[in-house]
Amino acid sequence: MTAARVRAAFADAGVTGTLHVIDLDHPDRQLSVGADVPVVLASVFKVPLLVALHHSAHDLTRRITLGHDRSTGPTGIGGMLDPVTMSLRDLAYLAVTVSDNAAADALVDLIGLDEINHTLHDLGLTRTLVVHRARDFMRTMAEDAAPAEPPAALTDPVVLSRLRALDPDQTNRGTARDLTTLLRHIWQHDDCAPIRHIMARQVWPHRLASGFPFDDVRVAGKTGTLPTTRNEIGVVEYPDGGRYAVAIFTRSASTAFTLPPADAVIGTTARLAIHHLRQPHPR
């Protein structure tokens, strides 16, 4: 059974995981491993954010300035030193391609959490909720780690056990099945074409894309990362026209920040699932 092979791959990589993979053109063909279990989204929440942005009435060419009070982060505007003026669509580009926290939070501040969740509800994502901006992850982790000091505290299992950012009941959450539903919407509607374009240009190749090292297979995705948490959602497109939505969420037993097997298993399990769906008579 392919589901058993997926679970074994997760175990071999030292993680627990949930997975949902669905053939976009034949939705009766799908594979589920814990697909309805609530999970932490981490930066995967930036995909629902972009969907809400494109469903809104905002002019995406509008330019806004992010000053010194913007959210921080290791990539993009979050790591820059001076004020930056940029269009909404370029902020969206940075929020996904390099997971720019400052760009994402500027868009959340503009749209509002209620509007994001209203959009998700309208699309039928009944188990997905966005309650935090990216800056809230860092704030709550610092509060919950106290009196220990990050980042060293974030390798301590006792500290990790009390982080709200790692509890699906207290942070941005969803399910693997909900997120493939969102991907189906993005790939089936012309007004979401800019989101497909952006996701195809994500710079991180070490998770979902690592399972498909072929020049003629296209992968568009968005990662999500927090301590012990490594996720990715995306769509894999084959040269014969086959298109598969993938949502994989993992938690590692190890607290190490760098854990290549935990990253790579996302690509491995996606490939196992899609290979199964591409058989002439998948079960």
C-alpha atoms as a PDB file:
ATOM      1  CA  MET A   1       0.000   0.000   0.000  1.00  0.00           C
ATOM      2  CA  THR A   2       1.315   3.397  -0.978  1.00  0.00           C
ATOM      3  CA  ALA A   3       0.001   5.041   2.208  1.00  0.00           C
ATOM      4  CA  ALA A   4       2.062   2.602   4.259  1.00  0.00           C
ATOM      5  CA  ARG A   5       5.145   3.448   2.188  1.00  0.00           C
ATOM      6  CA  VAL A   6       4.542   7.142   2.824  1.00  0.00           C
ATOM      7  CA  ARG A   7       4.291   6.549   6.574  1.00  0.00           C
ATOM      8  CA  ALA A   8       7.464   4.453   6.475  1.00  0.00           C
ATOM      9  CA  ALA A   9       9.307   7.215   4.605  1.00  0.00           C
ATOM     10  CA  PHE A  10       8.215   9.743   7.227  1.00  0.00           C
ATOM     11  CA  ALA A  11       9.425   7.439  10.001  1.00  0.00           C
ATOM     12  CA  ASP A  12      12.776   6.821   8.296  1.00  0.00           C
ATOM     13  CA  ALA A  13      13.302  10.597   8.094  1.00  0.00           C
ATOM     14  CA  GLY A  14      12.539  11.021  11.794  1.00  0.00           C
ATOM     15  CA  VAL A  15       9.254  12.885  11.319  1.00  0.00           C
ATOM     16  CA  THR A  16       5.535  12.424  11.677  1.00  0.00           C
ATOM     17  CA  GLY A  17       3.575  13.733   8.746  1.00  0.00           C
ATOM     18  CA  THR A  18       0.252  14.287   7.053  1.00  0.00           C
ATOM     19  CA  LEU A  19      -0.250  14.262   3.305  1.00  0.00           C
ATOM     20  CA  HIS A  20      -2.918  14.837   0.720  1.00  0.00           C
ATOM     21  CA  VAL A  21      -2.260  14.531  -3.009  1.00  0.00           C
ATOM     22  CA  ILE A  22      -4.973  14.869  -5.646  1.00  0.00           C
ATOM     23  CA  ASP A  23      -5.091  14.715  -9.433  1.00  0.00           C
ATOM     24  CA  LEU A  24      -6.392  18.141 -10.433  1.00  0.00           C
ATOM     25  CA  ASP A  25      -8.097  16.824 -13.549  1.00  0.00           C
ATOM     26  CA  HIS A  26      -9.430  13.590 -12.039  1.00  0.00           C
ATOM     27  CA  PRO A  27     -10.265  14.493  -8.417  1.00  0.00           C
ATOM     28  CA  ASP A  28     -11.465  10.991  -7.647  1.00  0.00           C
ATOM     29  CA  ARG A  29      -7.789  10.017  -7.785  1.00  0.00           C
ATOM     30  CA  GLN A  30      -6.223  11.041  -4.504  1.00  0.00           C
ATOM     31  CA  LEU A  31      -4.078   9.752  -1.676  1.00  0.00           C
ATOM     32  CA  SER A  32      -4.510  10.654   1.975  1.00  0.00           C
ATOM     33  CA  VAL A  33      -2.334  10.122   5.023  1.00  0.00           C
ATOM     34  CA  GLY A  34      -3.876  11.930   7.973  1.00  0.00           C
ATOM     35  CA  ALA A  35      -5.256  14.532   5.566  1.00  0.00           C
ATOM     36  CA  ASP A  36      -7.889  15.809   8.016  1.00  0.00           C
ATOM     37  CA  VAL A  37      -5.610  16.160  11.045  1.00  0.00           C
ATOM     38  CA  PRO A  38      -5.151  19.825  12.094  1.00  0.00           C
ATOM     39  CA  VAL A  39      -1.618  21.084  11.444  1.00  0.00           C
ATOM     40  CA  VAL A  40       0.432  24.238  11.916  1.00  0.00           C
ATOM     41  CA  LEU A  41       0.646  26.197   8.659  1.00  0.00           C
ATOM     42  CA  ALA A  42       3.734  28.307   9.444  1.00  0.00           C
ATOM     43  CA  SER A  43       4.545  30.350   6.306  1.00  0.00           C
ATOM     44  CA  VAL A  44       2.142  28.290   4.213  1.00  0.00           C
ATOM     45  CA  PHE A  45      -0.407  30.867   5.444  1.00  0.00           C
ATOM     46  CA  LYS A  46       1.028  33.227   2.817  1.00  0.00           C
ATOM     47  CA  VAL A  47      -0.796  31.320   0.063  1.00  0.00           C
ATOM     48  CA  PRO A  48      -4.264  31.938   1.572  1.00  0.00           C
ATOM     49  CA  LEU A  49      -3.112  35.539   2.034  1.00  0.00           C
ATOM     50  CA  LEU A  50      -2.416  35.902  -1.686  1.00  0.00           C
ATOM     51  CA  VAL A  51      -5.747  34.318  -2.593  1.00  0.00           C
ATOM     52  CA  ALA A  52      -7.536  36.825  -0.345  1.00  0.00           C
ATOM     53  CA  LEU A  53      -5.539  39.660  -1.929  1.00  0.00           C
ATOM     54  CA  HIS A  54      -6.533  38.624  -5.450  1.00  0.00           C
ATOM     55  CA  HIS A  55     -10.172  38.242  -4.402  1.00  0.00           C
ATOM     56  CA  SER A  56     -10.182  41.723  -2.889  1.00  0.00           C
ATOM     57  CA  ALA A  57     -10.938  45.033  -4.580  1.00  0.00           C
ATOM     58  CA  HIS A  58      -7.435  46.403  -3.973  1.00  0.00           C
ATOM     59  CA  ASP A  59      -5.491  47.834  -6.903  1.00  0.00           C
ATOM     60  CA  LEU A  60      -2.445  45.564  -7.028  1.00  0.00           C
ATOM     61  CA  THR A  61      -0.363  48.287  -8.665  1.00  0.00           C
ATOM     62  CA  ARG A  62      -0.855  50.543  -5.638  1.00  0.00           C
ATOM     63  CA  ARG A  63       2.453  51.359  -3.970  1.00  0.00           C
ATOM     64  CA  ILE A  64       2.977  51.513  -0.219  1.00  0.00           C
ATOM     65  CA  THR A  65       6.029  52.344   1.871  1.00  0.00           C
ATOM     66  CA  LEU A  66       7.352  50.023   4.575  1.00  0.00           C
ATOM     67  CA  GLY A  67       9.325  51.980   7.139  1.00  0.00           C
ATOM     68  CA  HIS A  68      11.617  50.996   9.969  1.00  0.00           C
ATOM     69  CA  ASP A  69       8.694  49.654  12.015  1.00  0.00           C
ATOM     70  CA  ARG A  70       8.001  46.841   9.543  1.00  0.00           C
ATOM     71  CA  SER A  71       8.240  43.162  10.474  1.00  0.00           C
ATOM     72  CA  THR A  72      11.699  41.659  10.524  1.00  0.00           C
ATOM     73  CA  GLY A  73      12.913  38.481   8.889  1.00  0.00           C
ATOM     74  CA  PRO A  74      15.929  36.844   7.301  1.00  0.00           C
ATOM     75  CA  THR A  75      14.875  37.394   3.687  1.00  0.00           C
ATOM     76  CA  GLY A  76      13.584  40.176   1.468  1.00  0.00           C
ATOM     77  CA  ILE A  77      12.414  43.504   2.874  1.00  0.00           C
ATOM     78  CA  GLY A  78      12.449  42.102   6.403  1.00  0.00           C
ATOM     79  CA  GLY A  79      16.239  41.988   6.298  1.00  0.00           C
ATOM     80  CA  MET A  80      16.785  45.375   4.645  1.00  0.00           C
ATOM     81  CA  LEU A  81      17.916  48.520   6.457  1.00  0.00           C
ATOM     82  CA  ASP A  82      16.061  51.376   4.756  1.00  0.00           C
ATOM     83  CA  PRO A  83      12.420  52.226   3.982  1.00  0.00           C
ATOM     84  CA  VAL A  84      11.102  50.471   0.879  1.00  0.00           C
ATOM     85  CA  THR A  85       8.274  51.549  -1.443  1.00  0.00           C
ATOM     86  CA  MET A  86       6.698  48.761  -3.474  1.00  0.00           C
ATOM     87  CA  SER A  87       3.465  47.761  -5.210  1.00  0.00           C
ATOM     88  CA  LEU A  88       1.073  45.281  -3.626  1.00  0.00           C
ATOM     89  CA  ARG A  89       1.751  42.725  -6.357  1.00  0.00           C
ATOM     90  CA  ASP A  90       5.502  42.972  -5.786  1.00  0.00           C
ATOM     91  CA  LEU A  91       4.983  42.537  -2.054  1.00  0.00           C
ATOM     92  CA  ALA A  92       2.981  39.394  -2.878  1.00  0.00           C
ATOM     93  CA  TYR A  93       5.844  38.195  -5.065  1.00  0.00           C
ATOM     94  CA  LEU A  94       8.364  38.544  -2.244  1.00  0.00           C
ATOM     95  CA  ALA A  95       6.009  37.058   0.360  1.00  0.00           C
ATOM     96  CA  VAL A  96       6.008  33.725  -1.475  1.00  0.00           C
ATOM     97  CA  THR A  97       9.193  33.505  -3.564  1.00  0.00           C
ATOM     98  CA  VAL A  98      11.527  34.220  -0.618  1.00  0.00           C
ATOM     99  CA  SER A  99       8.944  33.948   2.208  1.00  0.00           C
ATOM    100  CA  ASP A 100       9.405  37.624   3.100  1.00  0.00           C
ATOM    101  CA  ASN A 101       7.712  38.223   6.459  1.00  0.00           C
ATOM    102  CA  ALA A 102       7.681  41.998   6.174  1.00  0.00           C
ATOM    103  CA  ALA A 103       6.019  41.860   2.764  1.00  0.00           C
ATOM    104  CA  ALA A 104       3.425  39.344   3.976  1.00  0.00           C
ATOM    105  CA  ASP A 105       2.591  41.306   7.113  1.00  0.00           C
ATOM    106  CA  ALA A 106       2.172  44.533   5.141  1.00  0.00           C
ATOM    107  CA  LEU A 107      -0.463  42.749   3.043  1.00  0.00           C
ATOM    108  CA  VAL A 108      -2.178  41.257   6.115  1.00  0.00           C
ATOM    109  CA  ASP A 109      -2.302  44.710   7.702  1.00  0.00           C
ATOM    110  CA  LEU A 110      -3.943  46.035   4.541  1.00  0.00           C
ATOM    111  CA  ILE A 111      -6.464  43.221   3.993  1.00  0.00           C
ATOM    112  CA  GLY A 112      -7.154  42.182   7.579  1.00  0.00           C
ATOM    113  CA  LEU A 113      -7.320  38.738   9.137  1.00  0.00           C
ATOM    114  CA  ASP A 114     -11.129  38.714   9.018  1.00  0.00           C
ATOM    115  CA  GLU A 115     -11.132  39.171   5.237  1.00  0.00           C
ATOM    116  CA  ILE A 116      -8.596  36.373   4.761  1.00  0.00           C
ATOM    117  CA  ASN A 117     -10.717  34.001   6.825  1.00  0.00           C
ATOM    118  CA  HIS A 118     -13.919  35.110   5.088  1.00  0.00           C
ATOM    119  CA  THR A 119     -12.313  34.198   1.758  1.00  0.00           C
ATOM    120  CA  LEU A 120     -11.249  30.805   3.071  1.00  0.00           C
ATOM    121  CA  HIS A 121     -14.754  30.127   4.372  1.00  0.00           C
ATOM    122  CA  ASP A 122     -16.272  31.038   1.012  1.00  0.00           C
ATOM    123  CA  LEU A 123     -13.936  28.558  -0.685  1.00  0.00           C
ATOM    124  CA  GLY A 124     -15.016  25.759   1.637  1.00  0.00           C
ATOM    125  CA  LEU A 125     -11.876  25.560   3.770  1.00  0.00           C
ATOM    126  CA  THR A 126     -13.790  24.908   6.964  1.00  0.00           C
ATOM    127  CA  ARG A 127     -10.786  23.737   9.004  1.00  0.00           C
ATOM    128  CA  THR A 128      -8.324  26.462   8.050  1.00  0.00           C
ATOM    129  CA  LEU A 129      -7.930  29.654  10.075  1.00  0.00           C
ATOM    130  CA  VAL A 130      -5.373  32.469  10.000  1.00  0.00           C
ATOM    131  CA  VAL A 131      -5.034  34.171  13.397  1.00  0.00           C
ATOM    132  CA  HIS A 132      -1.423  35.377  13.339  1.00  0.00           C
ATOM    133  CA  ARG A 133       0.771  37.614  11.215  1.00  0.00           C
ATOM    134  CA  ALA A 134       4.341  36.455  10.653  1.00  0.00           C
ATOM    135  CA  ARG A 135       5.581  38.839  13.350  1.00  0.00           C
ATOM    136  CA  ASP A 136       3.235  37.176  15.838  1.00  0.00           C
ATOM    137  CA  PHE A 137       5.123  33.886  15.458  1.00  0.00           C
ATOM    138  CA  MET A 138       8.305  35.528  16.705  1.00  0.00           C
ATOM    139  CA  ARG A 139       6.524  37.484  19.444  1.00  0.00           C
ATOM    140  CA  THR A 140       4.718  34.474  20.888  1.00  0.00           C
ATOM    141  CA  MET A 141       7.819  32.277  20.669  1.00  0.00           C
ATOM    142  CA  ALA A 142       9.840  34.853  22.606  1.00  0.00           C
ATOM    143  CA  GLU A 143       7.074  35.135  25.214  1.00  0.00           C
ATOM    144  CA  ASP A 144       6.604  31.388  25.549  1.00  0.00           C
ATOM    145  CA  ALA A 145      10.349  30.641  25.694  1.00  0.00           C
ATOM    146  CA  ALA A 146      10.956  33.076  28.561  1.00  0.00           C
ATOM    147  CA  PRO A 147      13.043  33.206  30.665  1.00  0.00           C
ATOM    148  CA  ALA A 148      15.217  31.221  28.254  1.00  0.00           C
ATOM    149  CA  GLU A 149      16.593  33.179  25.309  1.00  0.00           C
ATOM    150  CA  PRO A 150      16.009  32.232  21.641  1.00  0.00           C
ATOM    151  CA  PRO A 151      17.485  30.893  19.472  1.00  0.00           C
ATOM    152  CA  ALA A 152      19.204  28.363  21.753  1.00  0.00           C
ATOM    153  CA  ALA A 153      15.965  27.854  23.691  1.00  0.00           C
ATOM    154  CA  LEU A 154      14.264  26.716  20.488  1.00  0.00           C
ATOM    155  CA  THR A 155      16.257  23.484  20.522  1.00  0.00           C
ATOM    156  CA  ASP A 156      15.071  22.630  24.044  1.00  0.00           C
ATOM    157  CA  PRO A 157      12.176  20.111  23.931  1.00  0.00           C
ATOM    158  CA  VAL A 158      10.713  21.510  27.158  1.00  0.00           C
ATOM    159  CA  VAL A 159      10.590  25.013  25.693  1.00  0.00           C
ATOM    160  CA  LEU A 160       9.186  23.756  22.376  1.00  0.00           C
ATOM    161  CA  SER A 161       6.380  21.948  24.178  1.00  0.00           C
ATOM    162  CA  ARG A 162       4.938  25.261  25.387  1.00  0.00           C
ATOM    163  CA  LEU A 163       5.172  27.292  22.176  1.00  0.00           C
ATOM    164  CA  ARG A 164       1.788  28.482  20.933  1.00  0.00           C
ATOM    165  CA  ALA A 165       3.297  28.767  17.448  1.00  0.00           C
ATOM    166  CA  LEU A 166       3.578  24.968  17.340  1.00  0.00           C
ATOM    167  CA  ASP A 167       0.058  24.256  18.610  1.00  0.00           C
ATOM    168  CA  PRO A 168      -2.616  24.048  15.870  1.00  0.00           C
ATOM    169  CA  ASP A 169      -5.229  25.173  18.379  1.00  0.00           C
ATOM    170  CA  GLN A 170      -3.401  28.458  19.028  1.00  0.00           C
ATOM    171  CA  THR A 171      -1.878  29.527  15.711  1.00  0.00           C
ATOM    172  CA  ASN A 172      -2.492  29.523  11.961  1.00  0.00           C
ATOM    173  CA  ARG A 173      -3.880  26.125  11.171  1.00  0.00           C
ATOM    174  CA  GLY A 174      -5.391  23.974   8.489  1.00  0.00           C
ATOM    175  CA  THR A 175      -5.419  20.445   7.110  1.00  0.00           C
ATOM    176  CA  ALA A 176      -3.661  18.865   4.168  1.00  0.00           C
ATOM    177  CA  ARG A 177      -7.022  18.293   2.470  1.00  0.00           C
ATOM    178  CA  ASP A 178      -8.066  21.921   2.934  1.00  0.00           C
ATOM    179  CA  LEU A 179      -4.824  23.134   1.386  1.00  0.00           C
ATOM    180  CA  THR A 180      -5.153  20.957  -1.721  1.00  0.00           C
ATOM    181  CA  THR A 181      -8.678  22.365  -2.037  1.00  0.00           C
ATOM    182  CA  LEU A 182      -7.112  25.819  -2.043  1.00  0.00           C
ATOM    183  CA  LEU A 183      -4.565  24.742  -4.664  1.00  0.00           C
ATOM    184  CA  ARG A 184      -7.353  23.375  -6.868  1.00  0.00           C
ATOM    185  CA  HIS A 185      -9.021  26.779  -6.719  1.00  0.00           C
ATOM    186  CA  ILE A 186      -5.781  28.549  -7.640  1.00  0.00           C
ATOM    187  CA  TRP A 187      -5.109  26.261 -10.601  1.00  0.00           C
ATOM    188  CA  GLN A 188      -8.681  26.322 -11.912  1.00  0.00           C
ATOM    189  CA  HIS A 189      -9.373  30.074 -11.953  1.00  0.00           C
ATOM    190  CA  ASP A 190      -7.857  32.601 -14.318  1.00  0.00           C
ATOM    191  CA  ASP A 191      -7.882  35.379 -11.714  1.00  0.00           C
ATOM    192  CA  CYS A 192      -5.379  33.323  -9.694  1.00  0.00           C
ATOM    193  CA  ALA A 193      -2.879  33.068 -12.576  1.00  0.00           C
ATOM    194  CA  PRO A 194      -0.529  35.587 -10.870  1.00  0.00           C
ATOM    195  CA  ILE A 195      -0.407  33.325  -7.805  1.00  0.00           C
ATOM    196  CA  ARG A 196       0.551  30.336  -9.957  1.00  0.00           C
ATOM    197  CA  HIS A 197       3.274  32.475 -11.546  1.00  0.00           C
ATOM    198  CA  ILE A 198       4.643  33.484  -8.138  1.00  0.00           C
ATOM    199  CA  MET A 199       4.574  29.981  -6.650  1.00  0.00           C
ATOM    200  CA  ALA A 200       6.478  28.646  -9.669  1.00  0.00           C
ATOM    201  CA  ARG A 201       9.305  31.044  -8.783  1.00  0.00           C
ATOM    202  CA  GLN A 202       9.785  30.055  -5.161  1.00  0.00           C
ATOM    203  CA  VAL A 203      13.533  29.821  -4.561  1.00  0.00           C
ATOM    204  CA  TRP A 204      13.617  26.855  -2.168  1.00  0.00           C
ATOM    205  CA  PRO A 205      14.335  23.551  -4.007  1.00  0.00           C
ATOM    206  CA  HIS A 206      15.077  21.333  -0.995  1.00  0.00           C
ATOM    207  CA  ARG A 207      11.598  20.014  -0.180  1.00  0.00           C
ATOM    208  CA  LEU A 208       8.849  19.347  -2.724  1.00  0.00           C
ATOM    209  CA  ALA A 209      10.985  20.093  -5.788  1.00  0.00           C
ATOM    210  CA  SER A 210      13.726  17.722  -4.598  1.00  0.00           C
ATOM    211  CA  GLY A 211      11.464  14.778  -5.430  1.00  0.00           C
ATOM    212  CA  PHE A 212      11.202  15.790  -9.087  1.00  0.00           C
ATOM    213  CA  PRO A 213      14.705  16.500 -10.449  1.00  0.00           C
ATOM    214  CA  PHE A 214      13.563  16.476 -14.070  1.00  0.00           C
ATOM    215  CA  ASP A 215      13.793  19.351 -16.539  1.00  0.00           C
ATOM    216  CA  ASP A 216      10.351  18.647 -17.974  1.00  0.00           C
ATOM    217  CA  VAL A 217       8.476  18.457 -14.647  1.00  0.00           C
ATOM    218  CA  ARG A 218       7.387  21.797 -13.209  1.00  0.00           C
ATOM    219  CA  VAL A 219       6.941  22.383  -9.493  1.00  0.00           C
ATOM    220  CA  ALA A 220       5.236  25.412  -7.954  1.00  0.00           C
ATOM    221  CA  GLY A 221       5.114  25.592  -4.181  1.00  0.00           C
ATOM    222  CA  LYS A 222       5.293  27.362  -0.853  1.00  0.00           C
ATOM    223  CA  THR A 223       7.231  26.165   2.161  1.00  0.00           C
ATOM    224  CA  GLY A 224       6.503  26.727   5.826  1.00  0.00           C
ATOM    225  CA  THR A 225       9.106  26.447   8.584  1.00  0.00           C
ATOM    226  CA  LEU A 226       9.129  26.722  12.362  1.00  0.00           C
ATOM    227  CA  PRO A 227      11.135  24.796  14.971  1.00  0.00           C
ATOM    228  CA  THR A 228      10.563  21.057  14.280  1.00  0.00           C
ATOM    229  CA  THR A 229       8.018  22.029  11.594  1.00  0.00           C
ATOM    230  CA  ARG A 230       8.698  21.645   7.866  1.00  0.00           C
ATOM    231  CA  ASN A 231       5.847  21.955   5.389  1.00  0.00           C
ATOM    232  CA  GLU A 232       5.181  22.537   1.738  1.00  0.00           C
ATOM    233  CA  ILE A 233       2.164  22.793  -0.499  1.00  0.00           C
ATOM    234  CA  GLY A 234       2.308  22.987  -4.262  1.00  0.00           C
ATOM    235  CA  VAL A 235       1.425  21.628  -7.672  1.00  0.00           C
ATOM    236  CA  VAL A 236       3.531  19.247  -9.748  1.00  0.00           C
ATOM    237  CA  GLU A 237       2.924  19.335 -13.508  1.00  0.00           C
ATOM    238  CA  TYR A 238       4.135  16.624 -15.915  1.00  0.00           C
ATOM    239  CA  PRO A 239       4.868  17.071 -19.629  1.00  0.00           C
ATOM    240  CA  ASP A 240       1.922  14.826 -20.531  1.00  0.00           C
ATOM    241  CA  GLY A 241      -0.460  17.310 -18.887  1.00  0.00           C
ATOM    242  CA  GLY A 242      -0.843  15.554 -15.550  1.00  0.00           C
ATOM    243  CA  ARG A 243      -1.273  18.028 -12.676  1.00  0.00           C
ATOM    244  CA  TYR A 244      -1.184  17.076  -9.006  1.00  0.00           C
ATOM    245  CA  ALA A 245      -1.887  19.216  -5.946  1.00  0.00           C
ATOM    246  CA  VAL A 246       0.264  18.297  -2.960  1.00  0.00           C
ATOM    247  CA  ALA A 247       0.065  19.299   0.710  1.00  0.00           C
ATOM    248  CA  ILE A 248       2.563  17.839   3.165  1.00  0.00           C
ATOM    249  CA  PHE A 249       3.061  18.868   6.792  1.00  0.00           C
ATOM    250  CA  THR A 250       5.723  17.367   9.069  1.00  0.00           C
ATOM    251  CA  ARG A 251       7.025  17.534  12.619  1.00  0.00           C
ATOM    252  CA  SER A 252      10.494  16.212  13.444  1.00  0.00           C
ATOM    253  CA  ALA A 253      11.565  14.363  16.562  1.00  0.00           C
ATOM    254  CA  SER A 254      14.901  16.165  16.390  1.00  0.00           C
ATOM    255  CA  THR A 255      15.036  19.816  17.426  1.00  0.00           C
ATOM    256  CA  ALA A 256      17.965  20.559  15.081  1.00  0.00           C
ATOM    257  CA  PHE A 257      17.454  23.576  12.819  1.00  0.00           C
ATOM    258  CA  THR A 258      19.239  21.817   9.932  1.00  0.00           C
ATOM    259  CA  LEU A 259      17.818  18.385   9.171  1.00  0.00           C
ATOM    260  CA  PRO A 260      18.186  17.476   5.475  1.00  0.00           C
ATOM    261  CA  PRO A 261      16.324  14.123   5.674  1.00  0.00           C
ATOM    262  CA  ALA A 262      13.259  15.905   7.098  1.00  0.00           C
ATOM    263  CA  ASP A 263      13.325  18.374   4.202  1.00  0.00           C
ATOM    264  CA  ALA A 264      13.905  15.735   1.532  1.00  0.00           C
ATOM    265  CA  VAL A 265      11.129  13.413   2.712  1.00  0.00           C
ATOM    266  CA  ILE A 266       8.587  15.965   1.525  1.00  0.00           C
ATOM    267  CA  GLY A 267       9.779  15.433  -2.035  1.00  0.00           C
ATOM    268  CA  THR A 268      10.083  11.678  -1.525  1.00  0.00           C
ATOM    269  CA  THR A 269       6.544  11.196  -0.243  1.00  0.00           C
ATOM    270  CA  ALA A 270       5.081  13.505  -2.889  1.00  0.00           C
ATOM    271  CA  ARG A 271       6.782  11.427  -5.588  1.00  0.00           C
ATOM    272  CA  LEU A 272       5.504   8.163  -4.062  1.00  0.00           C
ATOM    273  CA  ALA A 273       1.944   9.509  -3.970  1.00  0.00           C
ATOM    274  CA  ILE A 274       1.969  10.964  -7.470  1.00  0.00           C
ATOM    275  CA  HIS A 275       3.532   7.817  -8.932  1.00  0.00           C
ATOM    276  CA  HIS A 276       0.660   5.883  -7.371  1.00  0.00           C
ATOM    277  CA  LEU A 277      -1.950   8.237  -8.866  1.00  0.00           C
ATOM    278  CA  ARG A 278      -0.364   8.022 -12.307  1.00  0.00           C
ATOM    279  CA  GLN A 279      -0.822   4.274 -12.511  1.00  0.00           C
ATOM    280  CA  PRO A 280      -3.545   3.151 -14.990  1.00  0.00           C
ATOM    281  CA  HIS A 281      -5.943   2.058 -12.218  1.00  0.00           C
ATOM    282  CA  PRO A 282      -4.963   3.723  -8.932  1.00  0.00           C
ATOM    283  CA  ARG A 283      -6.690   2.408  -5.848  1.00  0.00           C
END
